[in-house]
């Protein structure tokens, strides 16, 4: 892959997407292995158990949709308060062509599932178990989640950390990661809509 500007590859992003998908599922596997140890919480319980019926599926979808609207409004409000980012745009990550769009959707769904499990499931619950403070657990995981997006610039880190706190609050209130997973995946998939293919 040849670079025309710092961080902007001229080739496609398929290899990058596949690496991200693999690393996300690698983290999931690590947590799954930990959940198989004596006394550890299994992944299914970190997520919030299984859906018991169609009504519970529809309720989680409705909560996810409502939450997506709320946190979209919060993201817009925080972005207007922080002003435009001076960081290089991350547009080099955008898919180039139909095959990469398919990989983008798979990567987005993977991120929705795995990142919610890692940050709001595993990390938030570990910090809660150590500190006994839901506020501290939500705050710390949100800061780490935001910092993981440093490549988007410091202003985006602030926005993403605030959104991470909202996801943490949702997980704490619902005692389930399912609505957050659905909202997270939906938002990441939507990021592909404005792409114009060459």
N, C-alpha and C. Protein backbone atom coordinates (compact mmCIF):
# COMPACT_ATOMS: atom_id res chain seq x y z
N UNK A 1 0.84 -1.17 0.00
CA UNK A 1 0.00 0.00 0.00
C UNK A 1 0.89 1.24 0.00
N UNK A 2 0.69 2.14 -0.93
CA UNK A 2 1.49 3.36 -1.03
C UNK A 2 0.73 4.49 -0.37
N UNK A 3 1.46 5.41 0.28
CA UNK A 3 0.82 6.51 0.98
C UNK A 3 1.05 7.81 0.23
N UNK A 4 -0.04 8.56 -0.03
CA UNK A 4 0.08 9.86 -0.68
C UNK A 4 0.30 10.96 0.34
N UNK A 5 -0.30 10.85 1.49
CA UNK A 5 -0.10 11.76 2.61
C UNK A 5 0.03 10.90 3.86
N UNK A 6 0.49 11.51 4.91
CA UNK A 6 0.65 10.77 6.16
C UNK A 6 -0.68 10.12 6.55
N UNK A 7 -0.66 8.80 6.64
CA UNK A 7 -1.84 8.09 7.10
C UNK A 7 -2.93 7.91 6.06
N UNK A 8 -2.72 8.32 4.82
CA UNK A 8 -3.76 8.18 3.81
C UNK A 8 -3.31 7.22 2.72
N UNK A 9 -3.68 5.94 2.82
CA UNK A 9 -3.25 4.97 1.84
C UNK A 9 -3.98 5.14 0.52
N UNK A 10 -3.28 4.81 -0.57
CA UNK A 10 -3.91 4.90 -1.88
C UNK A 10 -4.64 3.61 -2.24
N UNK A 11 -4.27 2.52 -1.63
CA UNK A 11 -4.93 1.25 -1.92
C UNK A 11 -6.19 1.09 -1.09
N UNK A 12 -6.72 -0.13 -1.10
CA UNK A 12 -7.94 -0.41 -0.35
C UNK A 12 -7.67 -0.66 1.12
N UNK A 13 -8.76 -0.85 1.84
CA UNK A 13 -8.69 -1.03 3.29
C UNK A 13 -9.09 -2.44 3.73
N UNK A 14 -9.24 -3.38 2.79
CA UNK A 14 -9.72 -4.71 3.15
C UNK A 14 -8.84 -5.36 4.21
N UNK A 15 -7.51 -5.28 4.05
CA UNK A 15 -6.60 -5.91 5.01
C UNK A 15 -6.74 -5.27 6.39
N UNK A 16 -6.89 -3.94 6.43
CA UNK A 16 -7.07 -3.24 7.70
C UNK A 16 -8.37 -3.67 8.37
N UNK A 17 -9.46 -3.72 7.60
CA UNK A 17 -10.74 -4.14 8.16
C UNK A 17 -10.66 -5.55 8.73
N UNK A 18 -10.02 -6.45 7.98
CA UNK A 18 -9.90 -7.83 8.45
C UNK A 18 -9.06 -7.91 9.72
N UNK A 19 -8.01 -7.09 9.81
CA UNK A 19 -7.18 -7.06 11.02
C UNK A 19 -7.98 -6.55 12.22
N UNK A 20 -8.80 -5.53 12.00
CA UNK A 20 -9.63 -5.00 13.08
C UNK A 20 -10.65 -6.03 13.53
N UNK A 21 -11.29 -6.69 12.56
CA UNK A 21 -12.26 -7.74 12.90
C UNK A 21 -11.59 -8.83 13.72
N UNK A 22 -10.41 -9.27 13.28
CA UNK A 22 -9.69 -10.33 14.00
C UNK A 22 -9.31 -9.89 15.41
N UNK A 23 -8.83 -8.65 15.56
CA UNK A 23 -8.42 -8.20 16.89
C UNK A 23 -9.62 -8.05 17.82
N UNK A 24 -10.75 -7.58 17.30
CA UNK A 24 -11.97 -7.45 18.13
C UNK A 24 -12.43 -8.83 18.62
N UNK A 25 -12.45 -9.82 17.70
CA UNK A 25 -12.87 -11.16 18.12
C UNK A 25 -11.81 -11.81 19.01
N UNK A 26 -10.54 -11.41 18.84
CA UNK A 26 -9.50 -11.89 19.76
C UNK A 26 -9.76 -11.44 21.18
N UNK A 27 -10.19 -10.18 21.36
CA UNK A 27 -10.55 -9.69 22.70
C UNK A 27 -11.76 -10.43 23.24
N UNK A 28 -12.75 -10.67 22.37
CA UNK A 28 -13.92 -11.44 22.79
C UNK A 28 -13.50 -12.83 23.28
N UNK A 29 -12.61 -13.47 22.52
CA UNK A 29 -12.15 -14.81 22.88
C UNK A 29 -11.43 -14.80 24.23
N UNK A 30 -10.62 -13.77 24.46
CA UNK A 30 -9.91 -13.64 25.74
C UNK A 30 -10.91 -13.56 26.90
N UNK A 31 -11.96 -12.75 26.73
CA UNK A 31 -12.97 -12.62 27.78
C UNK A 31 -13.75 -13.93 27.93
N UNK A 32 -14.05 -14.58 26.81
CA UNK A 32 -14.75 -15.87 26.86
C UNK A 32 -13.94 -16.89 27.63
N UNK A 33 -12.61 -16.94 27.37
CA UNK A 33 -11.75 -17.87 28.10
C UNK A 33 -11.76 -17.58 29.60
N UNK A 34 -11.69 -16.29 29.94
CA UNK A 34 -11.74 -15.90 31.35
C UNK A 34 -13.04 -16.30 32.00
N UNK A 35 -14.13 -16.24 31.25
CA UNK A 35 -15.43 -16.62 31.78
C UNK A 35 -15.58 -18.11 32.02
N UNK A 36 -14.67 -18.88 31.48
CA UNK A 36 -14.71 -20.33 31.69
C UNK A 36 -13.96 -20.76 32.95
N UNK A 37 -13.27 -19.81 33.59
CA UNK A 37 -12.56 -20.12 34.83
C UNK A 37 -13.55 -20.24 35.98
N UNK A 38 -13.17 -20.98 37.01
CA UNK A 38 -14.05 -21.16 38.16
C UNK A 38 -14.37 -19.82 38.81
N UNK A 39 -15.65 -19.57 39.00
CA UNK A 39 -16.09 -18.36 39.67
C UNK A 39 -16.20 -17.14 38.79
N UNK A 40 -15.74 -17.22 37.55
CA UNK A 40 -15.81 -16.07 36.64
C UNK A 40 -17.20 -15.98 36.01
N UNK A 41 -17.53 -14.79 35.55
CA UNK A 41 -18.84 -14.56 34.92
C UNK A 41 -18.75 -14.96 33.44
N UNK A 42 -19.60 -15.88 33.00
CA UNK A 42 -19.58 -16.27 31.59
C UNK A 42 -20.01 -15.11 30.68
N UNK A 43 -19.58 -15.16 29.43
CA UNK A 43 -19.89 -14.10 28.46
C UNK A 43 -21.40 -13.88 28.36
N UNK A 44 -22.17 -14.95 28.31
CA UNK A 44 -23.62 -14.82 28.21
C UNK A 44 -24.18 -13.96 29.33
N UNK A 45 -23.66 -14.13 30.55
CA UNK A 45 -24.13 -13.33 31.68
C UNK A 45 -23.63 -11.90 31.63
N UNK A 46 -22.41 -11.68 31.08
CA UNK A 46 -21.92 -10.32 30.89
C UNK A 46 -22.84 -9.55 29.94
N UNK A 47 -23.33 -10.25 28.92
CA UNK A 47 -24.21 -9.62 27.93
C UNK A 47 -25.58 -9.33 28.53
N UNK A 48 -26.01 -10.14 29.47
CA UNK A 48 -27.32 -9.94 30.09
C UNK A 48 -28.24 -11.13 29.89
N UNK A 49 -27.65 -12.29 29.63
CA UNK A 49 -28.45 -13.49 29.42
C UNK A 49 -28.98 -13.58 28.00
N UNK A 50 -29.89 -14.49 27.80
CA UNK A 50 -30.48 -14.71 26.48
C UNK A 50 -31.84 -14.04 26.42
N UNK A 51 -32.26 -13.75 25.18
CA UNK A 51 -33.63 -13.28 24.99
C UNK A 51 -34.58 -14.41 25.33
N UNK A 52 -35.62 -14.10 26.08
CA UNK A 52 -36.55 -15.14 26.49
C UNK A 52 -37.71 -15.31 25.51
N UNK A 53 -38.04 -14.24 24.77
CA UNK A 53 -39.14 -14.31 23.81
C UNK A 53 -39.04 -13.16 22.82
N UNK A 54 -39.95 -13.15 21.86
CA UNK A 54 -39.94 -12.11 20.83
C UNK A 54 -40.17 -10.73 21.43
N UNK A 55 -41.00 -10.65 22.46
CA UNK A 55 -41.29 -9.37 23.11
C UNK A 55 -40.02 -8.75 23.68
N UNK A 56 -39.15 -9.56 24.28
CA UNK A 56 -37.91 -9.02 24.84
C UNK A 56 -36.95 -8.57 23.73
N UNK A 57 -36.99 -9.25 22.58
CA UNK A 57 -36.17 -8.83 21.43
C UNK A 57 -36.65 -7.46 20.95
N UNK A 58 -37.97 -7.32 20.77
CA UNK A 58 -38.54 -6.06 20.29
C UNK A 58 -38.31 -4.93 21.28
N UNK A 59 -38.36 -5.23 22.58
CA UNK A 59 -38.10 -4.20 23.60
C UNK A 59 -36.66 -3.71 23.49
N UNK A 60 -35.71 -4.63 23.34
CA UNK A 60 -34.31 -4.23 23.21
C UNK A 60 -34.08 -3.40 21.94
N UNK A 61 -34.76 -3.76 20.85
CA UNK A 61 -34.64 -2.99 19.61
C UNK A 61 -35.21 -1.58 19.81
N UNK A 62 -36.35 -1.48 20.50
CA UNK A 62 -36.95 -0.17 20.76
C UNK A 62 -36.06 0.67 21.66
N UNK A 63 -35.51 0.07 22.70
CA UNK A 63 -34.60 0.80 23.60
C UNK A 63 -33.36 1.24 22.83
N UNK A 64 -32.83 0.35 21.99
CA UNK A 64 -31.64 0.69 21.19
C UNK A 64 -31.92 1.86 20.26
N UNK A 65 -33.08 1.87 19.61
CA UNK A 65 -33.43 2.96 18.69
C UNK A 65 -33.58 4.27 19.44
N UNK A 66 -34.28 4.25 20.58
CA UNK A 66 -34.43 5.46 21.38
C UNK A 66 -33.10 5.96 21.90
N UNK A 67 -32.27 5.04 22.34
CA UNK A 67 -30.94 5.41 22.85
C UNK A 67 -30.10 6.01 21.73
N UNK A 68 -30.17 5.43 20.53
CA UNK A 68 -29.40 5.94 19.40
C UNK A 68 -29.79 7.39 19.11
N UNK A 69 -31.08 7.70 19.18
CA UNK A 69 -31.53 9.08 18.95
C UNK A 69 -30.99 10.02 20.02
N UNK A 70 -31.03 9.58 21.28
CA UNK A 70 -30.54 10.42 22.38
C UNK A 70 -29.05 10.66 22.24
N UNK A 71 -28.28 9.60 22.03
CA UNK A 71 -26.84 9.83 22.01
C UNK A 71 -26.39 10.51 20.73
N UNK A 72 -27.16 10.41 19.65
CA UNK A 72 -26.86 11.18 18.44
C UNK A 72 -27.02 12.67 18.72
N UNK A 73 -28.09 13.03 19.43
CA UNK A 73 -28.31 14.43 19.80
C UNK A 73 -27.20 14.93 20.72
N UNK A 74 -26.79 14.09 21.68
CA UNK A 74 -25.70 14.46 22.59
C UNK A 74 -24.41 14.65 21.80
N UNK A 75 -24.12 13.76 20.87
CA UNK A 75 -22.89 13.87 20.06
C UNK A 75 -22.88 15.17 19.27
N UNK A 76 -24.01 15.53 18.69
CA UNK A 76 -24.09 16.78 17.92
C UNK A 76 -23.89 17.98 18.85
N UNK A 77 -24.52 17.94 20.02
CA UNK A 77 -24.39 19.05 20.97
C UNK A 77 -22.95 19.21 21.46
N UNK A 78 -22.31 18.11 21.81
CA UNK A 78 -20.93 18.17 22.30
C UNK A 78 -19.99 18.62 21.18
N UNK A 79 -20.23 18.13 19.97
CA UNK A 79 -19.39 18.54 18.83
C UNK A 79 -19.52 20.04 18.57
N UNK A 80 -20.73 20.59 18.73
CA UNK A 80 -20.89 22.03 18.52
C UNK A 80 -20.21 22.83 19.63
N UNK A 81 -20.15 22.28 20.84
CA UNK A 81 -19.47 22.96 21.95
C UNK A 81 -17.95 22.91 21.82
N UNK A 82 -17.43 21.79 21.34
CA UNK A 82 -15.97 21.65 21.23
C UNK A 82 -15.42 22.29 19.97
N UNK A 83 -16.27 22.51 18.98
CA UNK A 83 -15.81 23.13 17.74
C UNK A 83 -15.19 22.10 16.81
N UNK A 84 -14.79 22.56 15.62
CA UNK A 84 -14.23 21.63 14.64
C UNK A 84 -12.88 21.07 15.11
N UNK A 85 -12.65 19.83 14.73
CA UNK A 85 -11.39 19.17 15.09
C UNK A 85 -10.27 19.64 14.17
N UNK A 86 -9.09 19.80 14.74
CA UNK A 86 -7.92 20.19 13.96
C UNK A 86 -7.16 18.96 13.45
N UNK A 87 -7.61 17.77 13.86
CA UNK A 87 -6.94 16.54 13.46
C UNK A 87 -7.25 16.23 12.00
N UNK A 88 -6.35 15.49 11.39
CA UNK A 88 -6.57 15.01 10.02
C UNK A 88 -7.85 14.18 10.01
N UNK A 89 -8.72 14.35 9.02
CA UNK A 89 -9.92 13.52 8.97
C UNK A 89 -9.55 12.05 8.78
N UNK A 90 -10.36 11.19 9.34
CA UNK A 90 -10.10 9.75 9.23
C UNK A 90 -10.77 9.18 7.99
N UNK A 91 -10.93 10.00 6.95
CA UNK A 91 -11.63 9.55 5.75
C UNK A 91 -10.87 8.44 5.01
N UNK A 92 -9.57 8.32 5.29
CA UNK A 92 -8.81 7.24 4.65
C UNK A 92 -9.33 5.87 5.07
N UNK A 93 -10.11 5.81 6.17
CA UNK A 93 -10.67 4.55 6.64
C UNK A 93 -11.93 4.15 5.87
N UNK A 94 -12.50 5.08 5.11
CA UNK A 94 -13.75 4.81 4.39
C UNK A 94 -13.56 3.68 3.37
N UNK A 95 -14.60 2.86 3.22
CA UNK A 95 -14.52 1.77 2.23
C UNK A 95 -14.47 2.29 0.81
N UNK A 96 -13.76 1.54 -0.01
CA UNK A 96 -13.60 1.89 -1.42
C UNK A 96 -14.12 0.73 -2.25
N UNK A 97 -15.38 0.79 -2.62
CA UNK A 97 -15.97 -0.25 -3.44
C UNK A 97 -16.90 -1.17 -2.66
N UNK A 98 -17.73 -1.93 -3.37
CA UNK A 98 -18.74 -2.78 -2.74
C UNK A 98 -18.18 -3.85 -1.79
N UNK A 99 -17.05 -4.47 -2.16
CA UNK A 99 -16.48 -5.51 -1.29
C UNK A 99 -16.09 -4.91 0.06
N UNK A 100 -15.48 -3.73 0.03
CA UNK A 100 -15.09 -3.10 1.28
C UNK A 100 -16.29 -2.61 2.08
N UNK A 101 -17.37 -2.26 1.40
CA UNK A 101 -18.60 -1.89 2.13
C UNK A 101 -19.11 -3.10 2.91
N UNK A 102 -19.09 -4.27 2.29
CA UNK A 102 -19.52 -5.49 2.99
C UNK A 102 -18.62 -5.74 4.21
N UNK A 103 -17.30 -5.60 4.01
CA UNK A 103 -16.38 -5.77 5.14
C UNK A 103 -16.61 -4.71 6.21
N UNK A 104 -16.92 -3.48 5.79
CA UNK A 104 -17.21 -2.40 6.73
C UNK A 104 -18.41 -2.75 7.61
N UNK A 105 -19.46 -3.28 6.99
CA UNK A 105 -20.66 -3.66 7.74
C UNK A 105 -20.32 -4.77 8.73
N UNK A 106 -19.55 -5.76 8.29
CA UNK A 106 -19.13 -6.84 9.20
C UNK A 106 -18.28 -6.28 10.33
N UNK A 107 -17.36 -5.38 10.01
CA UNK A 107 -16.51 -4.77 11.03
C UNK A 107 -17.34 -3.94 12.01
N UNK A 108 -18.34 -3.22 11.51
CA UNK A 108 -19.20 -2.40 12.35
C UNK A 108 -20.02 -3.25 13.31
N UNK A 109 -20.55 -4.34 12.79
CA UNK A 109 -21.33 -5.24 13.65
C UNK A 109 -20.42 -5.90 14.69
N UNK A 110 -19.21 -6.25 14.26
CA UNK A 110 -18.23 -6.82 15.19
C UNK A 110 -17.90 -5.81 16.29
N UNK A 111 -17.66 -4.55 15.90
CA UNK A 111 -17.35 -3.51 16.89
C UNK A 111 -18.51 -3.32 17.85
N UNK A 112 -19.72 -3.29 17.33
CA UNK A 112 -20.89 -3.12 18.19
C UNK A 112 -20.98 -4.20 19.24
N UNK A 113 -20.73 -5.43 18.84
CA UNK A 113 -20.81 -6.55 19.77
C UNK A 113 -19.59 -6.61 20.69
N UNK A 114 -18.41 -6.62 20.10
CA UNK A 114 -17.19 -6.85 20.87
C UNK A 114 -16.80 -5.68 21.76
N UNK A 115 -16.91 -4.44 21.25
CA UNK A 115 -16.53 -3.29 22.07
C UNK A 115 -17.47 -3.10 23.24
N UNK A 116 -18.75 -3.35 23.04
CA UNK A 116 -19.67 -3.27 24.18
C UNK A 116 -19.34 -4.34 25.22
N UNK A 117 -19.01 -5.54 24.75
CA UNK A 117 -18.63 -6.60 25.68
C UNK A 117 -17.36 -6.23 26.44
N UNK A 118 -16.36 -5.71 25.74
CA UNK A 118 -15.07 -5.38 26.37
C UNK A 118 -15.21 -4.22 27.35
N UNK A 119 -15.80 -3.11 26.89
CA UNK A 119 -15.82 -1.89 27.71
C UNK A 119 -16.96 -1.88 28.71
N UNK A 120 -18.19 -2.10 28.27
CA UNK A 120 -19.33 -2.01 29.17
C UNK A 120 -19.61 -3.32 29.90
N UNK A 121 -19.22 -4.45 29.29
CA UNK A 121 -19.42 -5.73 29.95
C UNK A 121 -18.28 -6.05 30.89
N UNK A 122 -17.13 -6.36 30.32
CA UNK A 122 -16.00 -6.81 31.12
C UNK A 122 -15.39 -5.69 31.96
N UNK A 123 -14.90 -4.63 31.31
CA UNK A 123 -14.15 -3.59 32.02
C UNK A 123 -15.00 -2.87 33.06
N UNK A 124 -16.18 -2.44 32.67
CA UNK A 124 -17.05 -1.72 33.60
C UNK A 124 -17.40 -2.57 34.81
N UNK A 125 -17.69 -3.85 34.57
CA UNK A 125 -18.05 -4.73 35.69
C UNK A 125 -16.84 -5.05 36.57
N UNK A 126 -15.65 -5.14 35.98
CA UNK A 126 -14.45 -5.36 36.78
C UNK A 126 -14.17 -4.15 37.69
N UNK A 127 -14.27 -2.96 37.13
CA UNK A 127 -14.03 -1.75 37.92
C UNK A 127 -15.10 -1.61 39.01
N UNK A 128 -16.35 -1.94 38.68
CA UNK A 128 -17.41 -1.91 39.67
C UNK A 128 -17.13 -2.89 40.80
N UNK A 129 -16.68 -4.10 40.46
CA UNK A 129 -16.37 -5.11 41.48
C UNK A 129 -15.23 -4.65 42.38
N UNK A 130 -14.23 -3.96 41.81
CA UNK A 130 -13.08 -3.49 42.61
C UNK A 130 -13.40 -2.27 43.44
N UNK A 131 -14.22 -1.35 42.89
CA UNK A 131 -14.46 -0.07 43.56
C UNK A 131 -15.78 -0.01 44.31
N UNK A 132 -16.76 -0.78 43.86
CA UNK A 132 -18.10 -0.69 44.44
C UNK A 132 -18.86 0.54 43.98
N UNK A 133 -18.30 1.31 43.04
CA UNK A 133 -18.91 2.56 42.59
C UNK A 133 -19.31 2.47 41.11
N UNK A 134 -20.63 2.45 40.83
CA UNK A 134 -21.05 2.45 39.42
C UNK A 134 -20.58 3.71 38.69
N UNK A 135 -20.58 4.85 39.37
CA UNK A 135 -20.14 6.10 38.73
C UNK A 135 -18.69 6.02 38.31
N UNK A 136 -17.83 5.52 39.19
CA UNK A 136 -16.42 5.37 38.86
C UNK A 136 -16.23 4.37 37.72
N UNK A 137 -16.96 3.26 37.77
CA UNK A 137 -16.84 2.23 36.73
C UNK A 137 -17.23 2.78 35.36
N UNK A 138 -18.34 3.51 35.31
CA UNK A 138 -18.80 4.09 34.04
C UNK A 138 -17.81 5.12 33.54
N UNK A 139 -17.30 5.96 34.45
CA UNK A 139 -16.37 7.03 34.07
C UNK A 139 -15.05 6.48 33.55
N UNK A 140 -14.47 5.53 34.25
CA UNK A 140 -13.16 5.00 33.86
C UNK A 140 -13.24 4.27 32.52
N UNK A 141 -14.25 3.42 32.36
CA UNK A 141 -14.35 2.71 31.07
C UNK A 141 -14.59 3.69 29.93
N UNK A 142 -15.33 4.78 30.19
CA UNK A 142 -15.59 5.77 29.15
C UNK A 142 -14.32 6.50 28.74
N UNK A 143 -13.48 6.82 29.72
CA UNK A 143 -12.21 7.50 29.42
C UNK A 143 -11.31 6.58 28.60
N UNK A 144 -11.23 5.31 28.98
CA UNK A 144 -10.40 4.35 28.23
C UNK A 144 -10.97 4.15 26.83
N UNK A 145 -12.30 4.07 26.72
CA UNK A 145 -12.95 3.93 25.41
C UNK A 145 -12.64 5.13 24.52
N UNK A 146 -12.74 6.33 25.08
CA UNK A 146 -12.42 7.53 24.31
C UNK A 146 -10.97 7.56 23.88
N UNK A 147 -10.06 7.21 24.81
CA UNK A 147 -8.63 7.21 24.51
C UNK A 147 -8.28 6.23 23.39
N UNK A 148 -9.05 5.16 23.27
CA UNK A 148 -8.82 4.18 22.20
C UNK A 148 -9.11 4.74 20.81
N UNK A 149 -9.73 5.92 20.77
CA UNK A 149 -10.04 6.56 19.48
C UNK A 149 -9.17 7.80 19.26
N UNK A 150 -7.99 7.82 19.86
CA UNK A 150 -7.09 8.97 19.79
C UNK A 150 -6.74 9.34 18.35
N UNK A 151 -6.70 8.37 17.46
CA UNK A 151 -6.35 8.63 16.07
C UNK A 151 -7.33 9.60 15.40
N UNK A 152 -8.49 9.83 16.01
CA UNK A 152 -9.47 10.75 15.45
C UNK A 152 -9.29 12.19 15.97
N UNK A 153 -8.33 12.39 16.86
CA UNK A 153 -8.09 13.73 17.39
C UNK A 153 -8.68 13.91 18.78
N UNK A 154 -8.13 14.87 19.53
CA UNK A 154 -8.51 15.05 20.94
C UNK A 154 -9.97 15.45 21.11
N UNK A 155 -10.52 16.24 20.21
CA UNK A 155 -11.92 16.65 20.35
C UNK A 155 -12.86 15.46 20.14
N UNK A 156 -12.52 14.59 19.22
CA UNK A 156 -13.32 13.38 19.01
C UNK A 156 -13.21 12.45 20.21
N UNK A 157 -12.03 12.42 20.85
CA UNK A 157 -11.85 11.60 22.04
C UNK A 157 -12.83 12.04 23.12
N UNK A 158 -13.00 13.35 23.29
CA UNK A 158 -13.94 13.87 24.29
C UNK A 158 -15.36 13.42 23.96
N UNK A 159 -15.75 13.59 22.70
CA UNK A 159 -17.10 13.19 22.29
C UNK A 159 -17.31 11.69 22.50
N UNK A 160 -16.34 10.89 22.07
CA UNK A 160 -16.47 9.44 22.18
C UNK A 160 -16.47 8.99 23.64
N UNK A 161 -15.69 9.65 24.49
CA UNK A 161 -15.71 9.31 25.92
C UNK A 161 -17.08 9.61 26.53
N UNK A 162 -17.67 10.74 26.15
CA UNK A 162 -19.02 11.06 26.65
C UNK A 162 -20.03 10.03 26.17
N UNK A 163 -19.92 9.64 24.90
CA UNK A 163 -20.81 8.61 24.37
C UNK A 163 -20.57 7.27 25.08
N UNK A 164 -19.30 6.97 25.38
CA UNK A 164 -18.99 5.76 26.14
C UNK A 164 -19.63 5.77 27.51
N UNK A 165 -19.68 6.96 28.13
CA UNK A 165 -20.35 7.07 29.44
C UNK A 165 -21.85 6.82 29.29
N UNK A 166 -22.44 7.31 28.20
CA UNK A 166 -23.87 7.06 27.97
C UNK A 166 -24.13 5.57 27.76
N UNK A 167 -23.26 4.91 26.98
CA UNK A 167 -23.39 3.46 26.80
C UNK A 167 -23.25 2.74 28.14
N UNK A 168 -22.31 3.20 28.97
CA UNK A 168 -22.12 2.59 30.29
C UNK A 168 -23.33 2.77 31.17
N UNK A 169 -23.93 3.96 31.12
CA UNK A 169 -25.14 4.22 31.90
C UNK A 169 -26.29 3.33 31.43
N UNK A 170 -26.43 3.19 30.12
CA UNK A 170 -27.47 2.32 29.57
C UNK A 170 -27.28 0.88 30.04
N UNK A 171 -26.04 0.38 29.95
CA UNK A 171 -25.76 -1.00 30.38
C UNK A 171 -26.06 -1.17 31.86
N UNK A 172 -25.73 -0.16 32.67
CA UNK A 172 -25.97 -0.23 34.11
C UNK A 172 -27.47 -0.23 34.42
N UNK A 173 -28.22 0.61 33.73
CA UNK A 173 -29.66 0.71 33.98
C UNK A 173 -30.42 -0.51 33.47
N UNK A 174 -30.05 -1.00 32.29
CA UNK A 174 -30.77 -2.13 31.68
C UNK A 174 -30.29 -3.48 32.17
N UNK A 175 -29.11 -3.51 32.79
CA UNK A 175 -28.50 -4.79 33.20
C UNK A 175 -28.35 -5.72 32.00
N UNK A 176 -28.08 -5.11 30.85
CA UNK A 176 -27.94 -5.85 29.60
C UNK A 176 -27.11 -5.02 28.64
N UNK A 177 -26.29 -5.68 27.85
CA UNK A 177 -25.51 -5.00 26.81
C UNK A 177 -26.22 -5.00 25.47
N UNK A 178 -27.31 -5.75 25.35
CA UNK A 178 -27.95 -5.93 24.04
C UNK A 178 -28.39 -4.61 23.38
N UNK A 179 -29.10 -3.71 24.08
CA UNK A 179 -29.48 -2.46 23.40
C UNK A 179 -28.27 -1.63 22.98
N UNK A 180 -27.24 -1.59 23.81
CA UNK A 180 -26.02 -0.85 23.46
C UNK A 180 -25.31 -1.47 22.27
N UNK A 181 -25.28 -2.79 22.22
CA UNK A 181 -24.67 -3.48 21.08
C UNK A 181 -25.39 -3.14 19.78
N UNK A 182 -26.72 -3.14 19.83
CA UNK A 182 -27.51 -2.83 18.64
C UNK A 182 -27.28 -1.39 18.20
N UNK A 183 -27.31 -0.44 19.15
CA UNK A 183 -27.09 0.98 18.82
C UNK A 183 -25.70 1.23 18.28
N UNK A 184 -24.71 0.63 18.93
CA UNK A 184 -23.31 0.81 18.54
C UNK A 184 -23.09 0.29 17.11
N UNK A 185 -23.58 -0.92 16.84
CA UNK A 185 -23.42 -1.50 15.50
C UNK A 185 -24.15 -0.65 14.46
N UNK A 186 -25.37 -0.22 14.79
CA UNK A 186 -26.16 0.58 13.86
C UNK A 186 -25.43 1.87 13.51
N UNK A 187 -24.89 2.57 14.50
CA UNK A 187 -24.19 3.83 14.26
C UNK A 187 -22.95 3.60 13.39
N UNK A 188 -22.18 2.57 13.69
CA UNK A 188 -20.97 2.30 12.90
C UNK A 188 -21.32 1.94 11.46
N UNK A 189 -22.38 1.15 11.26
CA UNK A 189 -22.80 0.80 9.90
C UNK A 189 -23.24 2.06 9.15
N UNK A 190 -23.96 2.95 9.83
CA UNK A 190 -24.45 4.18 9.18
C UNK A 190 -23.33 5.07 8.70
N UNK A 191 -22.17 4.97 9.28
CA UNK A 191 -21.05 5.80 8.85
C UNK A 191 -20.65 5.53 7.41
N UNK A 192 -21.14 4.44 6.81
CA UNK A 192 -20.76 4.11 5.44
C UNK A 192 -21.70 4.76 4.42
N UNK A 193 -22.86 5.23 4.84
CA UNK A 193 -23.87 5.73 3.90
C UNK A 193 -23.40 6.90 3.05
N UNK A 194 -22.68 7.91 3.62
CA UNK A 194 -22.31 9.04 2.77
C UNK A 194 -21.13 8.79 1.83
N UNK A 195 -20.62 7.58 1.80
CA UNK A 195 -19.45 7.28 0.96
C UNK A 195 -19.84 7.33 -0.52
N UNK A 196 -18.99 7.98 -1.31
CA UNK A 196 -19.17 7.99 -2.76
C UNK A 196 -18.04 7.18 -3.37
N UNK A 197 -18.40 6.20 -4.15
CA UNK A 197 -17.38 5.34 -4.74
C UNK A 197 -16.72 6.02 -5.92
N UNK A 198 -15.39 5.76 -6.13
CA UNK A 198 -14.69 6.36 -7.27
C UNK A 198 -15.20 5.81 -8.59
